[in-house]
C-alpha atoms as a PDB file:
ATOM      1  CA  MET A   1     -57.261 -16.690  17.303  1.00  0.00           C
ATOM      2  CA  LEU A   2     -53.651 -16.836  15.435  1.00  0.00           C
ATOM      3  CA  LYS A   3     -53.167 -18.402  12.351  1.00  0.00           C
ATOM      4  CA  PRO A   4     -50.221 -21.005  12.636  1.00  0.00           C
ATOM      5  CA  SER A   5     -49.269 -20.667   9.414  1.00  0.00           C
ATOM      6  CA  THR A   6     -48.135 -16.851   9.939  1.00  0.00           C
ATOM      7  CA  PHE A   7     -46.852 -17.057  13.126  1.00  0.00           C
ATOM      8  CA  PHE A   8     -43.905 -18.589  14.679  1.00  0.00           C
ATOM      9  CA  THR A   9     -43.118 -19.468  18.380  1.00  0.00           C
ATOM     10  CA  ILE A  10     -40.236 -17.664  19.893  1.00  0.00           C
ATOM     11  CA  LYS A  11     -38.157 -21.404  19.566  1.00  0.00           C
ATOM     12  CA  GLU A  12     -39.080 -20.844  15.436  1.00  0.00           C
ATOM     13  CA  ALA A  13     -38.125 -16.998  15.776  1.00  0.00           C
ATOM     14  CA  VAL A  14     -34.737 -18.419  16.950  1.00  0.00           C
ATOM     15  CA  GLN A  15     -34.167 -21.061  14.320  1.00  0.00           C
ATOM     16  CA  ILE A  16     -35.129 -18.501  11.511  1.00  0.00           C
ATOM     17  CA  THR A  17     -32.879 -15.657  12.854  1.00  0.00           C
ATOM     18  CA  GLY A  18     -30.134 -17.184  14.578  1.00  0.00           C
ATOM     19  CA  VAL A  19     -30.619 -14.545  17.471  1.00  0.00           C
ATOM     20  CA  PRO A  20     -30.949 -16.314  21.158  1.00  0.00           C
ATOM     21  CA  ALA A  21     -34.483 -15.909  22.358  1.00  0.00           C
ATOM     22  CA  PRO A  22     -33.215 -13.475  25.296  1.00  0.00           C
ATOM     23  CA  THR A  23     -31.982 -11.105  22.471  1.00  0.00           C
ATOM     24  CA  LEU A  24     -35.371 -11.158  20.982  1.00  0.00           C
ATOM     25  CA  ARG A  25     -36.901 -10.582  24.171  1.00  0.00           C
ATOM     26  CA  TYR A  26     -34.666  -7.591  24.793  1.00  0.00           C
ATOM     27  CA  TYR A  27     -35.034  -6.208  21.437  1.00  0.00           C
ATOM     28  CA  GLU A  28     -38.450  -5.886  22.356  1.00  0.00           C
ATOM     29  CA  GLU A  29     -37.875  -4.422  26.029  1.00  0.00           C
ATOM     30  CA  LEU A  30     -35.890  -2.026  24.373  1.00  0.00           C
ATOM     31  CA  GLY A  31     -38.649  -0.908  21.566  1.00  0.00           C
ATOM     32  CA  LEU A  32     -35.979  -1.845  18.956  1.00  0.00           C
ATOM     33  CA  LEU A  33     -39.278  -4.510  18.173  1.00  0.00           C
ATOM     34  CA  ASP A  34     -42.892  -3.596  17.881  1.00  0.00           C
ATOM     35  CA  PRO A  35     -44.642  -5.422  20.663  1.00  0.00           C
ATOM     36  CA  VAL A  36     -44.636  -8.828  19.510  1.00  0.00           C
ATOM     37  CA  GLN A  37     -48.166 -10.249  19.528  1.00  0.00           C
ATOM     38  CA  ARG A  38     -48.998 -12.952  22.101  1.00  0.00           C
ATOM     39  CA  ALA A  39     -51.093 -16.481  21.547  1.00  0.00           C
ATOM     40  CA  ASP A  40     -53.976 -17.411  24.026  1.00  0.00           C
ATOM     41  CA  ASN A  41     -51.674 -18.718  26.435  1.00  0.00           C
ATOM     42  CA  GLY A  42     -49.299 -15.659  26.398  1.00  0.00           C
ATOM     43  CA  HIS A  43     -46.506 -16.949  24.210  1.00  0.00           C
ATOM     44  CA  ARG A  44     -45.292 -14.445  22.224  1.00  0.00           C
ATOM     45  CA  ARG A  45     -45.715 -14.778  18.200  1.00  0.00           C
ATOM     46  CA  TYR A  46     -43.711 -13.690  15.628  1.00  0.00           C
ATOM     47  CA  THR A  47     -44.339 -12.541  12.249  1.00  0.00           C
ATOM     48  CA  ASP A  48     -42.345 -12.222   9.157  1.00  0.00           C
ATOM     49  CA  ALA A  49     -42.395  -8.194   9.444  1.00  0.00           C
ATOM     50  CA  ASP A  50     -40.794  -9.070  13.104  1.00  0.00           C
ATOM     51  CA  PHE A  51     -37.943 -11.173  11.144  1.00  0.00           C
ATOM     52  CA  GLU A  52     -37.154  -8.004   8.633  1.00  0.00           C
ATOM     53  CA  ARG A  53     -36.519  -5.578  11.759  1.00  0.00           C
ATOM     54  CA  VAL A  54     -34.425  -8.572  13.069  1.00  0.00           C
ATOM     55  CA  ASP A  55     -32.304  -8.882   9.925  1.00  0.00           C
ATOM     56  CA  PHE A  56     -32.636  -4.920   9.548  1.00  0.00           C
ATOM     57  CA  ILE A  57     -31.046  -4.658  13.252  1.00  0.00           C
ATOM     58  CA  GLN A  58     -28.562  -7.402  12.793  1.00  0.00           C
ATOM     59  CA  SER A  59     -27.154  -5.977  10.066  1.00  0.00           C
ATOM     60  CA  LEU A  60     -26.827  -2.360  11.330  1.00  0.00           C
ATOM     61  CA  LYS A  61     -25.005  -4.186  14.629  1.00  0.00           C
ATOM     62  CA  ALA A  62     -22.500  -5.868  11.951  1.00  0.00           C
ATOM     63  CA  THR A  63     -21.594  -2.532  10.681  1.00  0.00           C
ATOM     64  CA  GLY A  64     -20.863  -1.243  13.918  1.00  0.00           C
ATOM     65  CA  SER A  65     -23.894   0.723  14.876  1.00  0.00           C
ATOM     66  CA  THR A  66     -25.091   1.069  18.291  1.00  0.00           C
ATOM     67  CA  LEU A  67     -28.418  -0.032  19.726  1.00  0.00           C
ATOM     68  CA  ARG A  68     -28.891   3.260  20.667  1.00  0.00           C
ATOM     69  CA  GLU A  69     -28.520   4.453  16.877  1.00  0.00           C
ATOM     70  CA  ILE A  70     -30.629   1.567  15.570  1.00  0.00           C
ATOM     71  CA  CYS A  71     -33.309   2.537  18.128  1.00  0.00           C
ATOM     72  CA  HIS A  72     -33.209   6.518  17.176  1.00  0.00           C
ATOM     73  CA  PHE A  73     -33.288   5.383  13.439  1.00  0.00           C
ATOM     74  CA  ILE A  74     -36.500   3.099  14.285  1.00  0.00           C
ATOM     75  CA  ASP A  75     -38.037   5.668  15.989  1.00  0.00           C
ATOM     76  CA  LEU A  76     -37.788   7.965  13.484  1.00  0.00           C
ATOM     77  CA  PHE A  77     -38.843   4.979  11.063  1.00  0.00           C
ATOM     78  CA  ARG A  78     -42.219   5.012  13.423  1.00  0.00           C
ATOM     79  CA  GLN A  79     -42.757   8.740  12.576  1.00  0.00           C
ATOM     80  CA  GLY A  80     -43.153   8.098   8.786  1.00  0.00           C
ATOM     81  CA  ASP A  81     -42.749   9.477   5.533  1.00  0.00           C
ATOM     82  CA  SER A  82     -41.562  13.057   7.071  1.00  0.00           C
ATOM     83  CA  THR A  83     -38.690  11.296   8.239  1.00  0.00           C
ATOM     84  CA  LEU A  84     -37.453   9.617   5.084  1.00  0.00           C
ATOM     85  CA  GLU A  85     -34.931  11.865   4.108  1.00  0.00           C
ATOM     86  CA  ILE A  86     -32.935  11.727   7.607  1.00  0.00           C
ATOM     87  CA  ARG A  87     -33.247   7.771   7.427  1.00  0.00           C
ATOM     88  CA  ARG A  88     -32.025   7.805   4.086  1.00  0.00           C
ATOM     89  CA  GLN A  89     -28.489  10.226   5.406  1.00  0.00           C
ATOM     90  CA  LEU A  90     -28.249   8.116   8.312  1.00  0.00           C
ATOM     91  CA  LEU A  91     -27.913   5.007   6.124  1.00  0.00           C
ATOM     92  CA  GLU A  92     -25.624   6.791   3.399  1.00  0.00           C
ATOM     93  CA  ASP A  93     -23.587   7.650   6.382  1.00  0.00           C
ATOM     94  CA  GLN A  94     -23.303   4.367   7.735  1.00  0.00           C
ATOM     95  CA  ARG A  95     -22.685   3.023   4.079  1.00  0.00           C
ATOM     96  CA  LYS A  96     -19.628   5.627   3.825  1.00  0.00           C
ATOM     97  CA  LYS A  97     -18.552   4.378   7.515  1.00  0.00           C
ATOM     98  CA  VAL A  98     -18.454   0.428   6.173  1.00  0.00           C
ATOM     99  CA  ARG A  99     -16.846   1.055   3.087  1.00  0.00           C
ATOM    100  CA  GLN A 100     -14.223   2.723   4.874  1.00  0.00           C
ATOM    101  CA  GLN A 101     -13.812  -0.293   7.273  1.00  0.00           C
ATOM    102  CA  MET A 102     -13.986  -2.337   4.503  1.00  0.00           C
ATOM    103  CA  GLU A 103     -10.981  -0.890   3.095  1.00  0.00           C
ATOM    104  CA  LYS A 104      -8.743  -0.707   6.030  1.00  0.00           C
ATOM    105  CA  LEU A 105      -9.667  -4.483   6.263  1.00  0.00           C
ATOM    106  CA  ARG A 106      -8.821  -4.998   2.501  1.00  0.00           C
ATOM    107  CA  GLU A 107      -5.096  -3.093   3.717  1.00  0.00           C
ATOM    108  CA  ALA A 108      -5.205  -5.674   6.817  1.00  0.00           C
ATOM    109  CA  GLU A 109      -5.754  -8.682   4.291  1.00  0.00           C
ATOM    110  CA  SER A 110      -3.158  -7.422   2.046  1.00  0.00           C
ATOM    111  CA  PHE A 111      -0.410  -6.858   4.420  1.00  0.00           C
ATOM    112  CA  ILE A 112      -1.544 -10.883   5.806  1.00  0.00           C
ATOM    113  CA  ASP A 113      -0.881 -11.840   2.218  1.00  0.00           C
ATOM    114  CA  ARG A 114       2.360 -10.363   2.186  1.00  0.00           C
ATOM    115  CA  LYS A 115       3.500 -11.729   5.599  1.00  0.00           C
ATOM    116  CA  ILE A 116       2.097 -15.219   4.296  1.00  0.00           C
ATOM    117  CA  ALA A 117       4.109 -15.230   0.930  1.00  0.00           C
ATOM    118  CA  THR A 118       7.300 -13.934   3.225  1.00  0.00           C
ATOM    119  CA  TYR A 119       6.908 -17.279   5.233  1.00  0.00           C
ATOM    120  CA  TYR A 120       6.470 -19.484   2.017  1.00  0.00           C
ATOM    121  CA  GLY A 121       9.493 -17.830   0.893  1.00  0.00           C
ATOM    122  CA  GLN A 122      11.426 -19.088   4.051  1.00  0.00           C
ATOM    123  CA  ALA A 123       9.803 -22.349   3.938  1.00  0.00           C
ATOM    124  CA  ASP A 124      11.112 -22.719   0.441  1.00  0.00           C
ATOM    125  CA  ARG A 125      14.445 -21.612   1.199  1.00  0.00           C
ATOM    126  CA  VAL A 126      14.290 -24.126   4.438  1.00  0.00           C
ATOM    127  CA  SER A 127      13.595 -26.810   2.336  1.00  0.00           C
ATOM    128  CA  VAL A 128      16.142 -26.100  -0.088  1.00  0.00           C
ATOM    129  CA  GLN A 129      18.837 -26.113   2.393  1.00  0.00           C
ATOM    130  CA  GLU A 130      17.448 -29.431   3.522  1.00  0.00           C
ATOM    131  CA  GLN A 131      17.501 -30.997   0.114  1.00  0.00           C
ATOM    132  CA  GLU A 132      21.226 -29.692  -0.139  1.00  0.00           C
ATOM    133  CA  ARG A 133      22.329 -30.744   3.143  1.00  0.00           C
ATOM    134  CA  GLU A 134      20.641 -34.439   2.139  1.00  0.00           C
ATOM    135  CA  GLU A 135      22.960 -33.979  -1.443  1.00  0.00           C
ATOM    136  CA  HIS A 136      25.871 -33.244   0.817  1.00  0.00           C
ATOM    137  CA  VAL A 137      25.319 -35.875   2.885  1.00  0.00           C
ATOM    138  CA  TYR A 138      24.607 -38.342   0.327  1.00  0.00           C
ATOM    139  CA  ILE A 139      27.426 -37.099  -1.976  1.00  0.00           C
ATOM    140  CA  SER A 140      30.083 -37.428   1.006  1.00  0.00           C
ATOM    141  CA  THR A 141      28.972 -40.797   2.166  1.00  0.00           C
END
């Protein structure tokens, strides 16, 4: 019998992880998640370990890793400590890619900031021109 305090329904898993139920089932089908335990009625029961794996998957996806790459990493993980060096290197490579992406985003943000500043400058010029027009109208009447 499953302990309710240590297992979570798929609905609870969705609330906790923010990942839709079909995606959780798909991750299980792909082998990204270990086979999820089942209650007597056949309903899936997730654990904290499942949530940690989902967080890991989501983090790697957010950095641009493909599901195939994530599957490869998880396969290596399942092989045990003999793959520690390979896994470390894969993560370091991914971190390098993330840092490059972040640098490109910082450059893009800087460009956008300059454009916004230009528009503020144009808006300031327009408001000065409007003020001068209003003053001119006031003076000439």
